[in-house]
């Protein structure tokens, strides 16, 4: 079996940086989206349950 040697270069480091950045950005976007949906639904339900002001 042939042994593969990976030389550390700036191109490799830059590629790994962007891959990690985009994956973490996606994870944060999913978490924020879930939080936004849950808190938005809770706020909407709370605002709908408030009595209206009689004029």
PDB file of N, CA and C in Angstrom:
ATOM      1  N   UNK A   1       0.844  -1.182   0.000  1.00  0.00           N
ATOM      2  CA  UNK A   1       0.000   0.000   0.000  1.00  0.00           C
ATOM      3  C   UNK A   1       0.887   1.243   0.000  1.00  0.00           C
ATOM      4  N   UNK A   2       0.537   2.215  -0.815  1.00  0.00           N
ATOM      5  CA  UNK A   2       1.349   3.425  -0.947  1.00  0.00           C
ATOM      6  C   UNK A   2       1.008   4.418   0.155  1.00  0.00           C
ATOM      7  N   UNK A   3       2.024   4.992   0.765  1.00  0.00           N
ATOM      8  CA  UNK A   3       1.817   5.962   1.830  1.00  0.00           C
ATOM      9  C   UNK A   3       1.705   7.353   1.219  1.00  0.00           C
ATOM     10  N   UNK A   4       0.655   8.084   1.581  1.00  0.00           N
ATOM     11  CA  UNK A   4       0.423   9.423   1.050  1.00  0.00           C
ATOM     12  C   UNK A   4       0.973  10.433   2.043  1.00  0.00           C
ATOM     13  N   UNK A   5       1.801  11.337   1.548  1.00  0.00           N
ATOM     14  CA  UNK A   5       2.372  12.379   2.389  1.00  0.00           C
ATOM     15  C   UNK A   5       1.690  13.695   2.041  1.00  0.00           C
ATOM     16  N   UNK A   6       1.096  14.342   3.039  1.00  0.00           N
ATOM     17  CA  UNK A   6       0.444  15.632   2.838  1.00  0.00           C
ATOM     18  C   UNK A   6       1.365  16.710   3.383  1.00  0.00           C
ATOM     19  N   UNK A   7       1.796  17.597   2.500  1.00  0.00           N
ATOM     20  CA  UNK A   7       2.684  18.676   2.924  1.00  0.00           C
ATOM     21  C   UNK A   7       1.842  19.867   3.391  1.00  0.00           C
ATOM     22  N   UNK A   8       2.130  20.378   4.576  1.00  0.00           N
ATOM     23  CA  UNK A   8       1.371  21.539   5.042  1.00  0.00           C
ATOM     24  C   UNK A   8       1.753  22.790   4.245  1.00  0.00           C
ATOM     25  N   UNK A   9       0.794  23.323   3.553  1.00  0.00           N
ATOM     26  CA  UNK A   9       1.015  24.542   2.771  1.00  0.00           C
ATOM     27  C   UNK A   9      -0.021  25.574   3.183  1.00  0.00           C
ATOM     28  N   UNK A  10       0.188  26.823   2.738  1.00  0.00           N
ATOM     29  CA  UNK A  10      -0.779  27.878   3.033  1.00  0.00           C
ATOM     30  C   UNK A  10      -2.096  27.618   2.328  1.00  0.00           C
ATOM     31  N   UNK A  11      -2.056  26.992   1.166  1.00  0.00           N
ATOM     32  CA  UNK A  11      -3.284  26.678   0.447  1.00  0.00           C
ATOM     33  C   UNK A  11      -4.117  25.667   1.235  1.00  0.00           C
ATOM     34  N   UNK A  12      -3.465  24.667   1.805  1.00  0.00           N
ATOM     35  CA  UNK A  12      -4.165  23.687   2.630  1.00  0.00           C
ATOM     36  C   UNK A  12      -4.742  24.351   3.880  1.00  0.00           C
ATOM     37  N   UNK A  13      -3.954  25.183   4.523  1.00  0.00           N
ATOM     38  CA  UNK A  13      -4.412  25.861   5.739  1.00  0.00           C
ATOM     39  C   UNK A  13      -5.600  26.770   5.428  1.00  0.00           C
ATOM     40  N   UNK A  14      -5.531  27.505   4.312  1.00  0.00           N
ATOM     41  CA  UNK A  14      -6.608  28.413   3.928  1.00  0.00           C
ATOM     42  C   UNK A  14      -7.879  27.623   3.623  1.00  0.00           C
ATOM     43  N   UNK A  15      -7.737  26.494   2.933  1.00  0.00           N
ATOM     44  CA  UNK A  15      -8.888  25.656   2.628  1.00  0.00           C
ATOM     45  C   UNK A  15      -9.529  25.082   3.882  1.00  0.00           C
ATOM     46  N   UNK A  16      -8.706  24.634   4.817  1.00  0.00           N
ATOM     47  CA  UNK A  16      -9.244  24.107   6.074  1.00  0.00           C
ATOM     48  C   UNK A  16      -9.932  25.193   6.880  1.00  0.00           C
ATOM     49  N   UNK A  17      -9.361  26.402   6.877  1.00  0.00           N
ATOM     50  CA  UNK A  17      -9.969  27.524   7.599  1.00  0.00           C
ATOM     51  C   UNK A  17     -11.358  27.817   7.056  1.00  0.00           C
ATOM     52  N   UNK A  18     -11.482  27.920   5.729  1.00  0.00           N
ATOM     53  CA  UNK A  18     -12.783  28.243   5.143  1.00  0.00           C
ATOM     54  C   UNK A  18     -13.783  27.124   5.369  1.00  0.00           C
ATOM     55  N   UNK A  19     -13.328  25.876   5.311  1.00  0.00           N
ATOM     56  CA  UNK A  19     -14.237  24.753   5.555  1.00  0.00           C
ATOM     57  C   UNK A  19     -14.760  24.801   6.988  1.00  0.00           C
ATOM     58  N   UNK A  20     -13.884  25.009   7.953  1.00  0.00           N
ATOM     59  CA  UNK A  20     -14.310  25.087   9.353  1.00  0.00           C
ATOM     60  C   UNK A  20     -15.217  26.291   9.565  1.00  0.00           C
ATOM     61  N   UNK A  21     -14.879  27.430   8.945  1.00  0.00           N
ATOM     62  CA  UNK A  21     -15.682  28.644   9.084  1.00  0.00           C
ATOM     63  C   UNK A  21     -17.095  28.429   8.546  1.00  0.00           C
ATOM     64  N   UNK A  22     -17.217  27.850   7.364  1.00  0.00           N
ATOM     65  CA  UNK A  22     -18.534  27.667   6.760  1.00  0.00           C
ATOM     66  C   UNK A  22     -19.371  26.634   7.508  1.00  0.00           C
ATOM     67  N   UNK A  23     -18.743  25.575   8.002  1.00  0.00           N
ATOM     68  CA  UNK A  23     -19.478  24.576   8.775  1.00  0.00           C
ATOM     69  C   UNK A  23     -19.989  25.182  10.075  1.00  0.00           C
ATOM     70  N   UNK A  24     -19.143  25.938  10.779  1.00  0.00           N
ATOM     71  CA  UNK A  24     -19.584  26.551  12.033  1.00  0.00           C
ATOM     72  C   UNK A  24     -20.640  27.619  11.767  1.00  0.00           C
ATOM     73  N   UNK A  25     -20.525  28.358  10.673  1.00  0.00           N
ATOM     74  CA  UNK A  25     -21.542  29.348  10.326  1.00  0.00           C
ATOM     75  C   UNK A  25     -22.884  28.669  10.069  1.00  0.00           C
ATOM     76  N   UNK A  26     -22.866  27.542   9.402  1.00  0.00           N
ATOM     77  CA  UNK A  26     -24.096  26.800   9.161  1.00  0.00           C
ATOM     78  C   UNK A  26     -24.723  26.288  10.450  1.00  0.00           C
ATOM     79  N   UNK A  27     -23.882  25.792  11.354  1.00  0.00           N
ATOM     80  CA  UNK A  27     -24.403  25.305  12.638  1.00  0.00           C
ATOM     81  C   UNK A  27     -25.024  26.442  13.429  1.00  0.00           C
ATOM     82  N   UNK A  28     -24.341  27.596  13.476  1.00  0.00           N
ATOM     83  CA  UNK A  28     -24.898  28.751  14.187  1.00  0.00           C
ATOM     84  C   UNK A  28     -26.190  29.237  13.540  1.00  0.00           C
ATOM     85  N   UNK A  29     -26.272  29.197  12.211  1.00  0.00           N
ATOM     86  CA  UNK A  29     -27.482  29.630  11.526  1.00  0.00           C
ATOM     87  C   UNK A  29     -28.654  28.705  11.862  1.00  0.00           C
ATOM     88  N   UNK A  30     -28.405  27.406  11.936  1.00  0.00           N
ATOM     89  CA  UNK A  30     -29.475  26.465  12.285  1.00  0.00           C
ATOM     90  C   UNK A  30     -29.943  26.703  13.724  1.00  0.00           C
ATOM     91  N   UNK A  31     -28.986  26.869  14.647  1.00  0.00           N
ATOM     92  CA  UNK A  31     -29.350  27.109  16.051  1.00  0.00           C
ATOM     93  C   UNK A  31     -30.125  28.414  16.180  1.00  0.00           C
ATOM     94  N   UNK A  32     -29.665  29.480  15.508  1.00  0.00           N
ATOM     95  CA  UNK A  32     -30.353  30.765  15.572  1.00  0.00           C
ATOM     96  C   UNK A  32     -31.743  30.666  14.960  1.00  0.00           C
ATOM     97  N   UNK A  33     -31.874  29.940  13.869  1.00  0.00           N
ATOM     98  CA  UNK A  33     -33.179  29.784  13.234  1.00  0.00           C
ATOM     99  C   UNK A  33     -34.177  29.073  14.137  1.00  0.00           C
ATOM    100  N   UNK A  34     -33.719  28.026  14.822  1.00  0.00           N
ATOM    101  CA  UNK A  34     -34.601  27.315  15.747  1.00  0.00           C
ATOM    102  C   UNK A  34     -35.002  28.226  16.906  1.00  0.00           C
ATOM    103  N   UNK A  35     -34.028  28.959  17.467  1.00  0.00           N
ATOM    104  CA  UNK A  35     -34.333  29.869  18.568  1.00  0.00           C
ATOM    105  C   UNK A  35     -35.299  30.964  18.123  1.00  0.00           C
ATOM    106  N   UNK A  36     -35.079  31.504  16.926  1.00  0.00           N
ATOM    107  CA  UNK A  36     -35.950  32.556  16.397  1.00  0.00           C
ATOM    108  C   UNK A  36     -37.373  32.037  16.223  1.00  0.00           C
ATOM    109  N   UNK A  37     -37.523  30.822  15.720  1.00  0.00           N
ATOM    110  CA  UNK A  37     -38.852  30.246  15.509  1.00  0.00           C
ATOM    111  C   UNK A  37     -39.560  30.000  16.837  1.00  0.00           C
ATOM    112  N   UNK A  38     -38.840  29.438  17.810  1.00  0.00           N
ATOM    113  CA  UNK A  38     -39.466  29.128  19.101  1.00  0.00           C
ATOM    114  C   UNK A  38     -39.826  30.407  19.846  1.00  0.00           C
ATOM    115  N   UNK A  39     -38.878  31.351  19.915  1.00  0.00           N
ATOM    116  CA  UNK A  39     -39.169  32.600  20.630  1.00  0.00           C
ATOM    117  C   UNK A  39     -40.215  33.430  19.900  1.00  0.00           C
ATOM    118  N   UNK A  40     -40.196  33.414  18.583  1.00  0.00           N
ATOM    119  CA  UNK A  40     -41.210  34.135  17.822  1.00  0.00           C
ATOM    120  C   UNK A  40     -42.591  33.558  18.041  1.00  0.00           C
ATOM    121  N   UNK A  41     -42.703  32.236  18.079  1.00  0.00           N
ATOM    122  CA  UNK A  41     -43.995  31.596  18.335  1.00  0.00           C
ATOM    123  C   UNK A  41     -44.477  31.896  19.750  1.00  0.00           C
ATOM    124  N   UNK A  42     -43.566  31.891  20.713  1.00  0.00           N
ATOM    125  CA  UNK A  42     -43.945  32.192  22.098  1.00  0.00           C
ATOM    126  C   UNK A  42     -44.397  33.647  22.225  1.00  0.00           C
ATOM    127  N   UNK A  43     -43.680  34.555  21.584  1.00  0.00           N
ATOM    128  CA  UNK A  43     -44.059  35.972  21.622  1.00  0.00           C
ATOM    129  C   UNK A  43     -45.400  36.190  20.933  1.00  0.00           C
ATOM    130  N   UNK A  44     -45.607  35.530  19.807  1.00  0.00           N
ATOM    131  CA  UNK A  44     -46.872  35.651  19.082  1.00  0.00           C
ATOM    132  C   UNK A  44     -48.034  35.146  19.948  1.00  0.00           C
ATOM    133  N   UNK A  45     -47.863  34.008  20.606  1.00  0.00           N
ATOM    134  CA  UNK A  45     -48.908  33.459  21.462  1.00  0.00           C
ATOM    135  C   UNK A  45     -49.172  34.379  22.652  1.00  0.00           C
ATOM    136  N   UNK A  46     -48.122  34.963  23.201  1.00  0.00           N
ATOM    137  CA  UNK A  46     -48.289  35.862  24.345  1.00  0.00           C
ATOM    138  C   UNK A  46     -49.024  37.131  23.929  1.00  0.00           C
ATOM    139  N   UNK A  47     -48.676  37.679  22.761  1.00  0.00           N
ATOM    140  CA  UNK A  47     -49.354  38.884  22.288  1.00  0.00           C
ATOM    141  C   UNK A  47     -50.809  38.605  21.936  1.00  0.00           C
ATOM    142  N   UNK A  48     -51.102  37.422  21.445  1.00  0.00           N
ATOM    143  CA  UNK A  48     -52.496  37.088  21.116  1.00  0.00           C
ATOM    144  C   UNK A  48     -53.334  36.882  22.375  1.00  0.00           C
ATOM    145  N   UNK A  49     -52.709  36.511  23.482  1.00  0.00           N
ATOM    146  CA  UNK A  49     -53.452  36.253  24.706  1.00  0.00           C
ATOM    147  C   UNK A  49     -53.709  37.525  25.505  1.00  0.00           C
ATOM    148  N   UNK A  50     -53.076  38.627  25.146  1.00  0.00           N
ATOM    149  CA  UNK A  50     -53.278  39.876  25.880  1.00  0.00           C
ATOM    150  C   UNK A  50     -54.647  40.456  25.536  1.00  0.00           C
ATOM    151  N   UNK A  51     -55.340  40.964  26.546  1.00  0.00           N
ATOM    152  CA  UNK A  51     -56.665  41.569  26.257  1.00  0.00           C
ATOM    153  C   UNK A  51     -56.485  42.876  25.490  1.00  0.00           C
ATOM    154  N   UNK A  52     -57.448  43.172  24.647  1.00  0.00           N
ATOM    155  CA  UNK A  52     -57.395  44.421  23.882  1.00  0.00           C
ATOM    156  C   UNK A  52     -57.898  45.564  24.742  1.00  0.00           C
ATOM    157  N   UNK A  53     -57.423  46.750  24.443  1.00  0.00           N
ATOM    158  CA  UNK A  53     -57.821  47.927  25.215  1.00  0.00           C
ATOM    159  C   UNK A  53     -59.155  48.468  24.677  1.00  0.00           C
ATOM    160  N   UNK A  54     -60.146  48.600  25.540  1.00  0.00           N
ATOM    161  CA  UNK A  54     -61.411  49.187  25.064  1.00  0.00           C
ATOM    162  C   UNK A  54     -61.266  50.700  24.906  1.00  0.00           C
ATOM    163  N   UNK A  55     -61.844  51.216  23.860  1.00  0.00           N
ATOM    164  CA  UNK A  55     -61.750  52.673  23.607  1.00  0.00           C
ATOM    165  C   UNK A  55     -62.983  53.372  24.071  1.00  0.00           C
TER     166      UNK A  55
END
